[in-house]
Protein backbone atom coordinates (compact mmCIF):
# COMPACT_ATOMS: atom_id res chain seq x y z
CA UNK A 1 204.65 76.59 164.80
CA UNK A 2 205.42 73.10 164.11
CA UNK A 3 203.69 69.97 166.48
CA UNK A 4 205.58 67.42 167.74
CA UNK A 5 204.74 63.72 166.19
CA UNK A 6 201.35 62.65 167.71
CA UNK A 7 200.37 65.80 168.87
CA UNK A 8 196.56 66.57 167.78
CA UNK A 9 195.48 70.07 166.88
CA UNK A 10 191.48 70.25 166.36
CA UNK A 11 190.22 72.00 163.34
CA UNK A 12 188.90 75.30 163.27
CA UNK A 13 185.32 75.58 163.13
CA UNK A 14 183.95 76.95 159.98
CA UNK A 15 182.22 80.49 159.17
CA UNK A 16 178.70 80.68 158.33
CA UNK A 17 179.79 82.07 155.18
CA UNK A 18 182.25 79.15 154.53
CA UNK A 19 179.32 76.59 155.36
CA UNK A 20 176.91 78.54 153.00
CA UNK A 21 179.66 78.76 150.21
CA UNK A 22 180.25 75.01 150.35
CA UNK A 23 176.69 74.31 150.52
CA UNK A 24 176.18 76.15 147.51
CA UNK A 25 178.87 74.37 145.55
CA UNK A 26 177.89 71.25 146.50
CA UNK A 27 174.32 71.84 145.18
CA UNK A 28 176.04 72.92 142.00
CA UNK A 29 178.05 69.96 141.59
CA UNK A 30 175.27 67.59 142.55
CA UNK A 31 173.12 68.98 139.74
CA UNK A 32 175.92 69.15 137.18
CA UNK A 33 176.55 65.37 137.86
CA UNK A 34 172.63 64.48 137.51
CA UNK A 35 172.44 66.33 134.08
CA UNK A 36 175.20 64.36 133.07
CA UNK A 37 173.84 61.12 134.35
CA UNK A 38 170.88 61.96 132.50
CA UNK A 39 172.73 62.83 129.20
CA UNK A 40 174.34 59.60 129.18
CA UNK A 41 171.21 57.67 130.35
CA UNK A 42 169.64 58.93 127.42
CA UNK A 43 172.36 58.53 124.99
CA UNK A 44 172.17 54.76 126.02
CA UNK A 45 168.77 54.15 125.65
CA UNK A 46 169.11 55.79 122.06
CA UNK A 47 171.42 53.65 121.05
CA UNK A 48 169.98 50.61 122.60
CA UNK A 49 166.68 51.13 120.77
CA UNK A 50 168.66 51.63 117.32
CA UNK A 51 170.45 48.45 118.20
CA UNK A 52 167.20 46.90 118.85
CA UNK A 53 165.33 47.80 115.85
CA UNK A 54 168.47 46.66 113.79
CA UNK A 55 168.35 43.35 115.39
CA UNK A 56 164.57 42.80 114.66
CA UNK A 57 164.60 44.00 111.37
CA UNK A 58 167.53 41.47 110.76
CA UNK A 59 165.70 38.42 112.33
CA UNK A 60 162.56 39.40 110.44
CA UNK A 61 164.47 39.28 106.86
CA UNK A 62 165.63 36.00 107.83
CA UNK A 63 169.19 36.01 107.00
CA UNK A 64 171.16 33.62 107.94
CA UNK A 65 173.47 33.93 111.37
CA UNK A 66 170.95 36.66 112.42
CA UNK A 67 170.13 34.90 115.39
CA UNK A 68 173.37 32.87 116.13
CA UNK A 69 176.93 34.19 116.77
CA UNK A 70 179.80 33.49 114.37
CA UNK A 71 182.03 30.39 115.95
CA UNK A 72 185.87 31.62 116.56
CA UNK A 73 188.10 30.16 114.30
CA UNK A 74 190.59 27.38 115.99
CA UNK A 75 194.26 28.49 116.43
CA UNK A 76 196.59 26.57 114.37
CA UNK A 77 199.30 24.83 116.32
């Protein structure tokens, strides 16, 4: 059956089985997203700590340029 433009047909109500299935899938998706977030958070933290340790080691060694950034070269005109 085709509808005329502008004609509204209300959605069919969901059955209890459909609601339960949707709830279960949403819960699984939420747990998966949280797990992925935790993995990314741990990787970021580990990398941050590694970089911090490297920076502190460079500063302790007193190498020149350890605390300052190199200036960009000027473009030739």
